[in-house]
Every structure is written in C-alpha cells, then in structure tokens.
Amino acid sequence: MFITSQPNEIFPQPLLGKSLEELRVWVKEYGQPAYRGKQLHDWIYRQGIRSILDIPVFPKKWRLQVSGFSIGRSHLYHRSVATDGTVKYLLQLQDGEIIETVGIPTFKYQQKRKTIIF
C-alpha cells in the first residue's frame, strides 16, 4: 500500500503535542503496526527529532511516504549569546515567519533560564 502525504491537508496539526495513544492511531492509519506509535513518541519527546526522515528504526519507504508531515519544531534561524549569558534565538516557523525568543539566566539557580518570547 503506497501512501502519499499532503502536509497541512490530511493531518494539519503537527505531531508534536500528540499523546502516545494519538500517535499509535496515527501510525496505524498510515499502515504501520501500533507499536510504531510508541517508537514515534520516544523519538519526538526523548530524542527531539525534527523530521520523520530522522527516525532510523522506521522502514525507509514508509518514512519517505509520510515525510511531508510536520513534527512541529521550528528551525533555528540564528543564535547569539551576550556576555551576561543571555541567549537570543531567532526561530523560523513553518509559514516562514521568524520569531524571537530570549533566554535570560537566573543566577540564583545557576543552569536555569527565564524564557521570554516576543
């Protein structure tokens, strides 16, 4: 069975944010056994993948068939670090728009940051 993916038409929502059960249903709808939903869940939430093509445990043919579906992570367009440790990120969204987010260090907790999104 050959499936073609049409991003933002068949499955308009990104996969990021879906529950384990929703991902199990999704993989079954596209011809894979339910256990692949758990694998997909792990690769999204533990490995931080940005594309289905990045998941080597899935059959290559199937990855290509569903590669048009978005995981939902933004592309890092630019990163800059100030001398005080503040980190500014420019993120490019799927629609091409660019947003800025800033991580401000909180020295009270050493490795923690406050994040502000503009």
PDB file of N, CA and C in Angstrom:
ATOM      1  N   MET A   1       0.839  -1.170   0.000  1.00  0.00           N
ATOM      2  CA  MET A   1       0.000   0.000   0.000  1.00  0.00           C
ATOM      3  C   MET A   1       0.888   1.238   0.000  1.00  0.00           C
ATOM      4  N   PHE A   2       0.726   2.107  -0.980  1.00  0.00           N
ATOM      5  CA  PHE A   2       1.517   3.327  -1.070  1.00  0.00           C
ATOM      6  C   PHE A   2       0.675   4.502  -0.612  1.00  0.00           C
ATOM      7  N   ILE A   3       1.210   5.264   0.295  1.00  0.00           N
ATOM      8  CA  ILE A   3       0.505   6.401   0.857  1.00  0.00           C
ATOM      9  C   ILE A   3       1.283   7.656   0.500  1.00  0.00           C
ATOM     10  N   THR A   4       0.585   8.658   0.034  1.00  0.00           N
ATOM     11  CA  THR A   4       1.261   9.925  -0.184  1.00  0.00           C
ATOM     12  C   THR A   4       0.788  10.896   0.877  1.00  0.00           C
ATOM     13  N   SER A   5       1.686  11.656   1.375  1.00  0.00           N
ATOM     14  CA  SER A   5       1.317  12.614   2.412  1.00  0.00           C
ATOM     15  C   SER A   5       1.098  13.982   1.803  1.00  0.00           C
ATOM     16  N   GLN A   6       0.103  14.640   2.275  1.00  0.00           N
ATOM     17  CA  GLN A   6      -0.190  16.000   1.884  1.00  0.00           C
ATOM     18  C   GLN A   6      -0.141  16.856   3.135  1.00  0.00           C
ATOM     19  N   PRO A   7       0.983  17.466   3.438  1.00  0.00           N
ATOM     20  CA  PRO A   7       1.081  18.244   4.662  1.00  0.00           C
ATOM     21  C   PRO A   7       0.015  19.320   4.722  1.00  0.00           C
ATOM     22  N   ASN A   8      -0.507  19.522   5.924  1.00  0.00           N
ATOM     23  CA  ASN A   8      -1.494  20.539   6.220  1.00  0.00           C
ATOM     24  C   ASN A   8      -2.826  20.315   5.512  1.00  0.00           C
ATOM     25  N   GLU A   9      -3.049  19.170   4.911  1.00  0.00           N
ATOM     26  CA  GLU A   9      -4.348  18.849   4.335  1.00  0.00           C
ATOM     27  C   GLU A   9      -4.928  17.625   5.029  1.00  0.00           C
ATOM     28  N   ILE A  10      -4.196  16.517   5.051  1.00  0.00           N
ATOM     29  CA  ILE A  10      -4.687  15.302   5.688  1.00  0.00           C
ATOM     30  C   ILE A  10      -4.542  15.397   7.203  1.00  0.00           C
ATOM     31  N   PHE A  11      -3.428  15.857   7.678  1.00  0.00           N
ATOM     32  CA  PHE A  11      -3.139  15.924   9.113  1.00  0.00           C
ATOM     33  C   PHE A  11      -2.575  17.308   9.399  1.00  0.00           C
ATOM     34  N   PRO A  12      -3.460  18.308   9.550  1.00  0.00           N
ATOM     35  CA  PRO A  12      -2.980  19.688   9.650  1.00  0.00           C
ATOM     36  C   PRO A  12      -2.180  19.996  10.911  1.00  0.00           C
ATOM     37  N   GLN A  13      -2.406  19.288  11.988  1.00  0.00           N
ATOM     38  CA  GLN A  13      -1.701  19.540  13.232  1.00  0.00           C
ATOM     39  C   GLN A  13      -0.342  18.837  13.210  1.00  0.00           C
ATOM     40  N   PRO A  14       0.677  19.487  13.763  1.00  0.00           N
ATOM     41  CA  PRO A  14       1.974  18.806  13.856  1.00  0.00           C
ATOM     42  C   PRO A  14       1.882  17.621  14.812  1.00  0.00           C
ATOM     43  N   LEU A  15       2.813  16.695  14.681  1.00  0.00           N
ATOM     44  CA  LEU A  15       2.828  15.516  15.549  1.00  0.00           C
ATOM     45  C   LEU A  15       3.253  15.865  16.965  1.00  0.00           C
ATOM     46  N   LEU A  16       4.080  16.887  17.115  1.00  0.00           N
ATOM     47  CA  LEU A  16       4.491  17.349  18.438  1.00  0.00           C
ATOM     48  C   LEU A  16       3.252  17.833  19.196  1.00  0.00           C
ATOM     49  N   GLY A  17       3.076  17.324  20.399  1.00  0.00           N
ATOM     50  CA  GLY A  17       1.893  17.666  21.185  1.00  0.00           C
ATOM     51  C   GLY A  17       0.864  16.547  21.229  1.00  0.00           C
ATOM     52  N   LYS A  18       1.037  15.550  20.365  1.00  0.00           N
ATOM     53  CA  LYS A  18       0.120  14.408  20.353  1.00  0.00           C
ATOM     54  C   LYS A  18       0.508  13.426  21.461  1.00  0.00           C
ATOM     55  N   SER A  19      -0.500  12.790  22.017  1.00  0.00           N
ATOM     56  CA  SER A  19      -0.270  11.801  23.069  1.00  0.00           C
ATOM     57  C   SER A  19       0.225  10.489  22.471  1.00  0.00           C
ATOM     58  N   LEU A  20       0.667   9.610  23.334  1.00  0.00           N
ATOM     59  CA  LEU A  20       1.097   8.288  22.892  1.00  0.00           C
ATOM     60  C   LEU A  20      -0.035   7.585  22.150  1.00  0.00           C
ATOM     61  N   GLU A  21      -1.235   7.621  22.688  1.00  0.00           N
ATOM     62  CA  GLU A  21      -2.366   6.954  22.047  1.00  0.00           C
ATOM     63  C   GLU A  21      -2.687   7.580  20.690  1.00  0.00           C
ATOM     64  N   GLU A  22      -2.631   8.900  20.593  1.00  0.00           N
ATOM     65  CA  GLU A  22      -2.890   9.563  19.311  1.00  0.00           C
ATOM     66  C   GLU A  22      -1.848   9.176  18.267  1.00  0.00           C
ATOM     67  N   LEU A  23      -0.606   9.036  18.683  1.00  0.00           N
ATOM     68  CA  LEU A  23       0.445   8.631  17.744  1.00  0.00           C
ATOM     69  C   LEU A  23       0.284   7.171  17.330  1.00  0.00           C
ATOM     70  N   ARG A  24      -0.178   6.321  18.237  1.00  0.00           N
ATOM     71  CA  ARG A  24      -0.458   4.916  17.871  1.00  0.00           C
ATOM     72  C   ARG A  24      -1.542   4.852  16.802  1.00  0.00           C
ATOM     73  N   VAL A  25      -2.583   5.631  16.985  1.00  0.00           N
ATOM     74  CA  VAL A  25      -3.672   5.681  15.995  1.00  0.00           C
ATOM     75  C   VAL A  25      -3.139   6.207  14.663  1.00  0.00           C
ATOM     76  N   TRP A  26      -2.330   7.257  14.728  1.00  0.00           N
ATOM     77  CA  TRP A  26      -1.803   7.873  13.513  1.00  0.00           C
ATOM     78  C   TRP A  26      -0.968   6.894  12.691  1.00  0.00           C
ATOM     79  N   VAL A  27      -0.041   6.179  13.347  1.00  0.00           N
ATOM     80  CA  VAL A  27       0.799   5.248  12.587  1.00  0.00           C
ATOM     81  C   VAL A  27      -0.030   4.122  11.996  1.00  0.00           C
ATOM     82  N   LYS A  28      -1.059   3.663  12.716  1.00  0.00           N
ATOM     83  CA  LYS A  28      -1.931   2.602  12.183  1.00  0.00           C
ATOM     84  C   LYS A  28      -2.695   3.095  10.962  1.00  0.00           C
ATOM     85  N   GLU A  29      -3.153   4.357  11.005  1.00  0.00           N
ATOM     86  CA  GLU A  29      -3.868   4.935   9.856  1.00  0.00           C
ATOM     87  C   GLU A  29      -2.985   4.984   8.614  1.00  0.00           C
ATOM     88  N   TYR A  30      -1.675   5.032   8.819  1.00  0.00           N
ATOM     89  CA  TYR A  30      -0.746   5.098   7.702  1.00  0.00           C
ATOM     90  C   TYR A  30       0.014   3.793   7.491  1.00  0.00           C
ATOM     91  N   GLY A  31      -0.618   2.696   7.896  1.00  0.00           N
ATOM     92  CA  GLY A  31      -0.138   1.379   7.506  1.00  0.00           C
ATOM     93  C   GLY A  31       0.917   0.721   8.368  1.00  0.00           C
ATOM     94  N   GLN A  32       1.197   1.242   9.548  1.00  0.00           N
ATOM     95  CA  GLN A  32       2.216   0.649  10.409  1.00  0.00           C
ATOM     96  C   GLN A  32       1.565   0.037  11.648  1.00  0.00           C
ATOM     97  N   PRO A  33       2.215  -0.936  12.257  1.00  0.00           N
ATOM     98  CA  PRO A  33       1.677  -1.531  13.488  1.00  0.00           C
ATOM     99  C   PRO A  33       1.690  -0.507  14.637  1.00  0.00           C
ATOM    100  N   ALA A  34       0.805  -0.708  15.601  1.00  0.00           N
ATOM    101  CA  ALA A  34       0.621   0.238  16.709  1.00  0.00           C
ATOM    102  C   ALA A  34       1.906   0.484  17.499  1.00  0.00           C
ATOM    103  N   TYR A  35       2.771  -0.529  17.624  1.00  0.00           N
ATOM    104  CA  TYR A  35       3.994  -0.336  18.415  1.00  0.00           C
ATOM    105  C   TYR A  35       4.878   0.768  17.835  1.00  0.00           C
ATOM    106  N   ARG A  36       4.715   1.059  16.556  1.00  0.00           N
ATOM    107  CA  ARG A  36       5.485   2.147  15.948  1.00  0.00           C
ATOM    108  C   ARG A  36       5.091   3.496  16.556  1.00  0.00           C
ATOM    109  N   GLY A  37       3.862   3.591  17.087  1.00  0.00           N
ATOM    110  CA  GLY A  37       3.430   4.815  17.755  1.00  0.00           C
ATOM    111  C   GLY A  37       4.276   5.106  18.977  1.00  0.00           C
ATOM    112  N   LYS A  38       4.620   4.078  19.720  1.00  0.00           N
ATOM    113  CA  LYS A  38       5.495   4.235  20.895  1.00  0.00           C
ATOM    114  C   LYS A  38       6.889   4.673  20.449  1.00  0.00           C
ATOM    115  N   GLN A  39       7.371   4.069  19.369  1.00  0.00           N
ATOM    116  CA  GLN A  39       8.682   4.469  18.851  1.00  0.00           C
ATOM    117  C   GLN A  39       8.661   5.934  18.412  1.00  0.00           C
ATOM    118  N   LEU A  40       7.605   6.326  17.715  1.00  0.00           N
ATOM    119  CA  LEU A  40       7.483   7.707  17.263  1.00  0.00           C
ATOM    120  C   LEU A  40       7.426   8.654  18.455  1.00  0.00           C
ATOM    121  N   HIS A  41       6.664   8.287  19.461  1.00  0.00           N
ATOM    122  CA  HIS A  41       6.551   9.082  20.685  1.00  0.00           C
ATOM    123  C   HIS A  41       7.934   9.276  21.322  1.00  0.00           C
ATOM    124  N   ASP A  42       8.696   8.195  21.429  1.00  0.00           N
ATOM    125  CA  ASP A  42      10.030   8.275  22.016  1.00  0.00           C
ATOM    126  C   ASP A  42      10.959   9.173  21.194  1.00  0.00           C
ATOM    127  N   TRP A  43      10.899   9.040  19.877  1.00  0.00           N
ATOM    128  CA  TRP A  43      11.780   9.841  19.027  1.00  0.00           C
ATOM    129  C   TRP A  43      11.392  11.315  19.053  1.00  0.00           C
ATOM    130  N   ILE A  44      10.124  11.628  19.186  1.00  0.00           N
ATOM    131  CA  ILE A  44       9.696  13.027  19.256  1.00  0.00           C
ATOM    132  C   ILE A  44      10.067  13.634  20.603  1.00  0.00           C
ATOM    133  N   TYR A  45       9.703  12.937  21.693  1.00  0.00           N
ATOM    134  CA  TYR A  45       9.816  13.534  23.024  1.00  0.00           C
ATOM    135  C   TYR A  45      11.124  13.246  23.755  1.00  0.00           C
ATOM    136  N   ARG A  46      11.820  12.199  23.407  1.00  0.00           N
ATOM    137  CA  ARG A  46      13.092  11.907  24.082  1.00  0.00           C
ATOM    138  C   ARG A  46      14.301  12.252  23.217  1.00  0.00           C
ATOM    139  N   GLN A  47      14.185  12.011  21.929  1.00  0.00           N
ATOM    140  CA  GLN A  47      15.316  12.260  21.034  1.00  0.00           C
ATOM    141  C   GLN A  47      15.268  13.646  20.399  1.00  0.00           C
ATOM    142  N   GLY A  48      14.086  14.270  20.374  1.00  0.00           N
ATOM    143  CA  GLY A  48      13.972  15.624  19.839  1.00  0.00           C
ATOM    144  C   GLY A  48      14.103  15.750  18.340  1.00  0.00           C
ATOM    145  N   ILE A  49      13.669  14.734  17.607  1.00  0.00           N
ATOM    146  CA  ILE A  49      13.809  14.768  16.145  1.00  0.00           C
ATOM    147  C   ILE A  49      13.008  15.922  15.541  1.00  0.00           C
ATOM    148  N   ARG A  50      13.424  16.340  14.365  1.00  0.00           N
ATOM    149  CA  ARG A  50      12.758  17.423  13.646  1.00  0.00           C
ATOM    150  C   ARG A  50      12.010  16.930  12.412  1.00  0.00           C
ATOM    151  N   SER A  51      12.277  15.688  12.001  1.00  0.00           N
ATOM    152  CA  SER A  51      11.650  15.147  10.796  1.00  0.00           C
ATOM    153  C   SER A  51      11.488  13.632  10.951  1.00  0.00           C
ATOM    154  N   ILE A  52      10.450  13.104  10.368  1.00  0.00           N
ATOM    155  CA  ILE A  52      10.250  11.654  10.372  1.00  0.00           C
ATOM    156  C   ILE A  52      11.409  10.961   9.655  1.00  0.00           C
ATOM    157  N   LEU A  53      12.022  11.652   8.722  1.00  0.00           N
ATOM    158  CA  LEU A  53      13.162  11.071   7.999  1.00  0.00           C
ATOM    159  C   LEU A  53      14.342  10.787   8.930  1.00  0.00           C
ATOM    160  N   ASP A  54      14.344  11.416  10.108  1.00  0.00           N
ATOM    161  CA  ASP A  54      15.444  11.241  11.067  1.00  0.00           C
ATOM    162  C   ASP A  54      15.286  10.015  11.962  1.00  0.00           C
ATOM    163  N   ILE A  55      14.251   9.210  11.753  1.00  0.00           N
ATOM    164  CA  ILE A  55      13.987   8.063  12.628  1.00  0.00           C
ATOM    165  C   ILE A  55      14.431   6.777  11.932  1.00  0.00           C
ATOM    166  N   PRO A  56      15.632   6.284  12.245  1.00  0.00           N
ATOM    167  CA  PRO A  56      16.177   5.137  11.517  1.00  0.00           C
ATOM    168  C   PRO A  56      15.478   3.808  11.792  1.00  0.00           C
ATOM    169  N   VAL A  57      14.691   3.700  12.866  1.00  0.00           N
ATOM    170  CA  VAL A  57      14.035   2.428  13.171  1.00  0.00           C
ATOM    171  C   VAL A  57      12.782   2.193  12.309  1.00  0.00           C
ATOM    172  N   PHE A  58      12.333   3.214  11.604  1.00  0.00           N
ATOM    173  CA  PHE A  58      11.173   3.056  10.712  1.00  0.00           C
ATOM    174  C   PHE A  58      11.649   2.622   9.325  1.00  0.00           C
ATOM    175  N   PRO A  59      10.825   1.839   8.623  1.00  0.00           N
ATOM    176  CA  PRO A  59      11.196   1.456   7.259  1.00  0.00           C
ATOM    177  C   PRO A  59      11.401   2.702   6.383  1.00  0.00           C
ATOM    178  N   LYS A  60      12.463   2.696   5.606  1.00  0.00           N
ATOM    179  CA  LYS A  60      12.798   3.860   4.786  1.00  0.00           C
ATOM    180  C   LYS A  60      11.657   4.232   3.839  1.00  0.00           C
ATOM    181  N   LYS A  61      11.038   3.245   3.230  1.00  0.00           N
ATOM    182  CA  LYS A  61       9.951   3.513   2.287  1.00  0.00           C
ATOM    183  C   LYS A  61       8.799   4.235   2.984  1.00  0.00           C
ATOM    184  N   TRP A  62       8.462   3.810   4.193  1.00  0.00           N
ATOM    185  CA  TRP A  62       7.376   4.444   4.936  1.00  0.00           C
ATOM    186  C   TRP A  62       7.753   5.861   5.362  1.00  0.00           C
ATOM    187  N   ARG A  63       9.003   6.048   5.802  1.00  0.00           N
ATOM    188  CA  ARG A  63       9.471   7.388   6.180  1.00  0.00           C
ATOM    189  C   ARG A  63       9.313   8.360   5.009  1.00  0.00           C
ATOM    190  N   LEU A  64       9.664   7.900   3.824  1.00  0.00           N
ATOM    191  CA  LEU A  64       9.530   8.749   2.638  1.00  0.00           C
ATOM    192  C   LEU A  64       8.061   9.049   2.347  1.00  0.00           C
ATOM    193  N   GLN A  65       7.198   8.058   2.549  1.00  0.00           N
ATOM    194  CA  GLN A  65       5.777   8.237   2.268  1.00  0.00           C
ATOM    195  C   GLN A  65       5.117   9.269   3.183  1.00  0.00           C
ATOM    196  N   VAL A  66       5.542   9.339   4.433  1.00  0.00           N
ATOM    197  CA  VAL A  66       4.909  10.265   5.385  1.00  0.00           C
ATOM    198  C   VAL A  66       5.816  11.446   5.741  1.00  0.00           C
ATOM    199  N   SER A  67       6.860  11.638   4.969  1.00  0.00           N
ATOM    200  CA  SER A  67       7.839  12.676   5.294  1.00  0.00           C
ATOM    201  C   SER A  67       7.275  14.092   5.219  1.00  0.00           C
ATOM    202  N   GLY A  68       6.168  14.275   4.561  1.00  0.00           N
ATOM    203  CA  GLY A  68       5.570  15.604   4.458  1.00  0.00           C
ATOM    204  C   GLY A  68       4.866  16.062   5.714  1.00  0.00           C
ATOM    205  N   PHE A  69       4.673  15.164   6.664  1.00  0.00           N
ATOM    206  CA  PHE A  69       4.011  15.538   7.905  1.00  0.00           C
ATOM    207  C   PHE A  69       5.007  16.217   8.833  1.00  0.00           C
ATOM    208  N   SER A  70       4.569  17.297   9.418  1.00  0.00           N
ATOM    209  CA  SER A  70       5.437  18.099  10.270  1.00  0.00           C
ATOM    210  C   SER A  70       5.527  17.530  11.679  1.00  0.00           C
ATOM    211  N   ILE A  71       6.736  17.484  12.215  1.00  0.00           N
ATOM    212  CA  ILE A  71       6.908  17.165  13.630  1.00  0.00           C
ATOM    213  C   ILE A  71       6.431  18.362  14.443  1.00  0.00           C
ATOM    214  N   GLY A  72       6.774  19.563  13.995  1.00  0.00           N
ATOM    215  CA  GLY A  72       6.294  20.766  14.660  1.00  0.00           C
ATOM    216  C   GLY A  72       7.355  21.585  15.358  1.00  0.00           C
ATOM    217  N   ARG A  73       8.597  21.240  15.166  1.00  0.00           N
ATOM    218  CA  ARG A  73       9.677  22.026  15.763  1.00  0.00           C
ATOM    219  C   ARG A  73      10.114  23.108  14.778  1.00  0.00           C
ATOM    220  N   SER A  74      10.372  24.269  15.314  1.00  0.00           N
ATOM    221  CA  SER A  74      10.814  25.387  14.487  1.00  0.00           C
ATOM    222  C   SER A  74      12.287  25.222  14.111  1.00  0.00           C
ATOM    223  N   HIS A  75      12.658  25.868  13.024  1.00  0.00           N
ATOM    224  CA  HIS A  75      14.043  25.854  12.544  1.00  0.00           C
ATOM    225  C   HIS A  75      14.811  26.974  13.233  1.00  0.00           C
ATOM    226  N   LEU A  76      15.998  26.655  13.768  1.00  0.00           N
ATOM    227  CA  LEU A  76      16.852  27.668  14.383  1.00  0.00           C
ATOM    228  C   LEU A  76      17.469  28.505  13.264  1.00  0.00           C
ATOM    229  N   TYR A  77      17.051  29.747  13.182  1.00  0.00           N
ATOM    230  CA  TYR A  77      17.493  30.661  12.132  1.00  0.00           C
ATOM    231  C   TYR A  77      18.788  31.373  12.536  1.00  0.00           C
ATOM    232  N   HIS A  78      18.861  31.753  13.813  1.00  0.00           N
ATOM    233  CA  HIS A  78      20.058  32.439  14.311  1.00  0.00           C
ATOM    234  C   HIS A  78      20.098  32.334  15.833  1.00  0.00           C
ATOM    235  N   ARG A  79      21.321  32.259  16.382  1.00  0.00           N
ATOM    236  CA  ARG A  79      21.521  32.207  17.834  1.00  0.00           C
ATOM    237  C   ARG A  79      22.660  33.147  18.188  1.00  0.00           C
ATOM    238  N   SER A  80      22.436  33.956  19.211  1.00  0.00           N
ATOM    239  CA  SER A  80      23.521  34.815  19.685  1.00  0.00           C
ATOM    240  C   SER A  80      23.540  34.803  21.209  1.00  0.00           C
ATOM    241  N   VAL A  81      24.744  34.886  21.772  1.00  0.00           N
ATOM    242  CA  VAL A  81      24.937  34.840  23.215  1.00  0.00           C
ATOM    243  C   VAL A  81      25.609  36.132  23.656  1.00  0.00           C
ATOM    244  N   ALA A  82      25.004  36.788  24.641  1.00  0.00           N
ATOM    245  CA  ALA A  82      25.584  38.018  25.193  1.00  0.00           C
ATOM    246  C   ALA A  82      26.595  37.670  26.284  1.00  0.00           C
ATOM    247  N   THR A  83      27.384  38.632  26.677  1.00  0.00           N
ATOM    248  CA  THR A  83      28.415  38.396  27.691  1.00  0.00           C
ATOM    249  C   THR A  83      27.831  38.019  29.050  1.00  0.00           C
ATOM    250  N   ASP A  84      26.589  38.413  29.334  1.00  0.00           N
ATOM    251  CA  ASP A  84      25.964  38.060  30.620  1.00  0.00           C
ATOM    252  C   ASP A  84      25.299  36.685  30.595  1.00  0.00           C
ATOM    253  N   GLY A  85      25.426  35.978  29.463  1.00  0.00           N
ATOM    254  CA  GLY A  85      24.837  34.649  29.363  1.00  0.00           C
ATOM    255  C   GLY A  85      23.453  34.611  28.739  1.00  0.00           C
ATOM    256  N   THR A  86      22.876  35.776  28.467  1.00  0.00           N
ATOM    257  CA  THR A  86      21.571  35.822  27.796  1.00  0.00           C
ATOM    258  C   THR A  86      21.715  35.250  26.395  1.00  0.00           C
ATOM    259  N   VAL A  87      20.776  34.404  26.014  1.00  0.00           N
ATOM    260  CA  VAL A  87      20.818  33.779  24.690  1.00  0.00           C
ATOM    261  C   VAL A  87      19.588  34.223  23.905  1.00  0.00           C
ATOM    262  N   LYS A  88      19.822  34.747  22.708  1.00  0.00           N
ATOM    263  CA  LYS A  88      18.728  35.155  21.835  1.00  0.00           C
ATOM    264  C   LYS A  88      18.657  34.178  20.666  1.00  0.00           C
ATOM    265  N   TYR A  89      17.452  33.685  20.416  1.00  0.00           N
ATOM    266  CA  TYR A  89      17.211  32.784  19.289  1.00  0.00           C
ATOM    267  C   TYR A  89      16.230  33.428  18.333  1.00  0.00           C
ATOM    268  N   LEU A  90      16.516  33.320  17.061  1.00  0.00           N
ATOM    269  CA  LEU A  90      15.539  33.633  16.034  1.00  0.00           C
ATOM    270  C   LEU A  90      15.086  32.294  15.473  1.00  0.00           C
ATOM    271  N   LEU A  91      13.793  32.023  15.550  1.00  0.00           N
ATOM    272  CA  LEU A  91      13.232  30.758  15.094  1.00  0.00           C
ATOM    273  C   LEU A  91      12.359  30.997  13.876  1.00  0.00           C
ATOM    274  N   GLN A  92      12.538  30.177  12.860  1.00  0.00           N
ATOM    275  CA  GLN A  92      11.713  30.283  11.662  1.00  0.00           C
ATOM    276  C   GLN A  92      10.592  29.260  11.762  1.00  0.00           C
ATOM    277  N   LEU A  93       9.360  29.743  11.675  1.00  0.00           N
ATOM    278  CA  LEU A  93       8.183  28.891  11.758  1.00  0.00           C
ATOM    279  C   LEU A  93       7.897  28.244  10.407  1.00  0.00           C
ATOM    280  N   GLN A  94       6.964  27.304  10.396  1.00  0.00           N
ATOM    281  CA  GLN A  94       6.626  26.605   9.152  1.00  0.00           C
ATOM    282  C   GLN A  94       6.131  27.537   8.061  1.00  0.00           C
ATOM    283  N   ASP A  95       5.465  28.613   8.462  1.00  0.00           N
ATOM    284  CA  ASP A  95       4.934  29.550   7.464  1.00  0.00           C
ATOM    285  C   ASP A  95       5.983  30.543   6.973  1.00  0.00           C
ATOM    286  N   GLY A  96       7.227  30.389   7.449  1.00  0.00           N
ATOM    287  CA  GLY A  96       8.313  31.252   7.020  1.00  0.00           C
ATOM    288  C   GLY A  96       8.541  32.464   7.916  1.00  0.00           C
ATOM    289  N   GLU A  97       7.602  32.760   8.781  1.00  0.00           N
ATOM    290  CA  GLU A  97       7.762  33.885   9.700  1.00  0.00           C
ATOM    291  C   GLU A  97       8.875  33.590  10.699  1.00  0.00           C
ATOM    292  N   ILE A  98       9.513  34.647  11.173  1.00  0.00           N
ATOM    293  CA  ILE A  98      10.591  34.498  12.145  1.00  0.00           C
ATOM    294  C   ILE A  98      10.168  35.153  13.451  1.00  0.00           C
ATOM    295  N   ILE A  99      10.372  34.421  14.549  1.00  0.00           N
ATOM    296  CA  ILE A  99      10.071  34.950  15.870  1.00  0.00           C
ATOM    297  C   ILE A  99      11.345  34.964  16.697  1.00  0.00           C
ATOM    298  N   GLU A 100      11.346  35.801  17.727  1.00  0.00           N
ATOM    299  CA  GLU A 100      12.496  35.902  18.601  1.00  0.00           C
ATOM    300  C   GLU A 100      12.130  35.391  19.983  1.00  0.00           C
ATOM    301  N   THR A 101      13.041  34.655  20.592  1.00  0.00           N
ATOM    302  CA  THR A 101      12.887  34.235  21.973  1.00  0.00           C
ATOM    303  C   THR A 101      14.212  34.478  22.677  1.00  0.00           C
ATOM    304  N   VAL A 102      14.124  34.853  23.949  1.00  0.00           N
ATOM    305  CA  VAL A 102      15.320  35.199  24.703  1.00  0.00           C
ATOM    306  C   VAL A 102      15.359  34.375  25.983  1.00  0.00           C
ATOM    307  N   GLY A 103      16.495  33.755  26.246  1.00  0.00           N
ATOM    308  CA  GLY A 103      16.718  33.040  27.496  1.00  0.00           C
ATOM    309  C   GLY A 103      17.586  33.897  28.398  1.00  0.00           C
ATOM    310  N   ILE A 104      17.036  34.327  29.527  1.00  0.00           N
ATOM    311  CA  ILE A 104      17.761  35.193  30.456  1.00  0.00           C
ATOM    312  C   ILE A 104      18.210  34.352  31.646  1.00  0.00           C
ATOM    313  N   PRO A 105      19.502  34.321  31.908  1.00  0.00           N
ATOM    314  CA  PRO A 105      19.978  33.480  33.018  1.00  0.00           C
ATOM    315  C   PRO A 105      19.496  34.003  34.371  1.00  0.00           C
ATOM    316  N   THR A 106      19.150  33.090  35.243  1.00  0.00           N
ATOM    317  CA  THR A 106      18.819  33.435  36.621  1.00  0.00           C
ATOM    318  C   THR A 106      19.924  32.847  37.477  1.00  0.00           C
ATOM    319  N   PHE A 107      20.776  33.677  37.991  1.00  0.00           N
ATOM    320  CA  PHE A 107      21.967  33.225  38.702  1.00  0.00           C
ATOM    321  C   PHE A 107      21.647  32.517  40.005  1.00  0.00           C
ATOM    322  N   LYS A 108      20.440  32.718  40.508  1.00  0.00           N
ATOM    323  CA  LYS A 108      20.022  32.049  41.742  1.00  0.00           C
ATOM    324  C   LYS A 108      20.037  30.534  41.568  1.00  0.00           C
ATOM    325  N   TYR A 109      19.685  30.068  40.381  1.00  0.00           N
ATOM    326  CA  TYR A 109      19.574  28.630  40.132  1.00  0.00           C
ATOM    327  C   TYR A 109      20.620  28.139  39.134  1.00  0.00           C
ATOM    328  N   GLN A 110      21.664  28.890  38.917  1.00  0.00           N
ATOM    329  CA  GLN A 110      22.786  28.547  38.038  1.00  0.00           C
ATOM    330  C   GLN A 110      22.364  28.183  36.622  1.00  0.00           C
ATOM    331  N   GLN A 111      22.024  26.939  36.343  1.00  0.00           N
ATOM    332  CA  GLN A 111      21.778  26.463  34.986  1.00  0.00           C
ATOM    333  C   GLN A 111      20.386  26.811  34.447  1.00  0.00           C
ATOM    334  N   LYS A 112      19.545  27.435  35.206  1.00  0.00           N
ATOM    335  CA  LYS A 112      18.171  27.709  34.767  1.00  0.00           C
ATOM    336  C   LYS A 112      18.091  29.053  34.066  1.00  0.00           C
ATOM    337  N   ARG A 113      17.107  29.181  33.204  1.00  0.00           N
ATOM    338  CA  ARG A 113      16.886  30.424  32.459  1.00  0.00           C
ATOM    339  C   ARG A 113      15.401  30.773  32.469  1.00  0.00           C
ATOM    340  N   LYS A 114      15.138  32.060  32.447  1.00  0.00           N
ATOM    341  CA  LYS A 114      13.787  32.541  32.182  1.00  0.00           C
ATOM    342  C   LYS A 114      13.701  32.715  30.687  1.00  0.00           C
ATOM    343  N   THR A 115      12.615  32.314  30.080  1.00  0.00           N
ATOM    344  CA  THR A 115      12.470  32.457  28.634  1.00  0.00           C
ATOM    345  C   THR A 115      11.358  33.447  28.348  1.00  0.00           C
ATOM    346  N   ILE A 116      11.643  34.378  27.471  1.00  0.00           N
ATOM    347  CA  ILE A 116      10.678  35.382  27.055  1.00  0.00           C
ATOM    348  C   ILE A 116      10.520  35.256  25.555  1.00  0.00           C
ATOM    349  N   ILE A 117       9.288  35.175  25.085  1.00  0.00           N
ATOM    350  CA  ILE A 117       9.025  35.065  23.658  1.00  0.00           C
ATOM    351  C   ILE A 117       8.374  36.349  23.176  1.00  0.00           C
ATOM    352  N   PHE A 118       8.934  36.925  22.130  1.00  0.00           N
ATOM    353  CA  PHE A 118       8.392  38.165  21.549  1.00  0.00           C
ATOM    354  C   PHE A 118       7.566  37.846  20.341  1.00  0.00           C
TER     355      PHE A 118
END
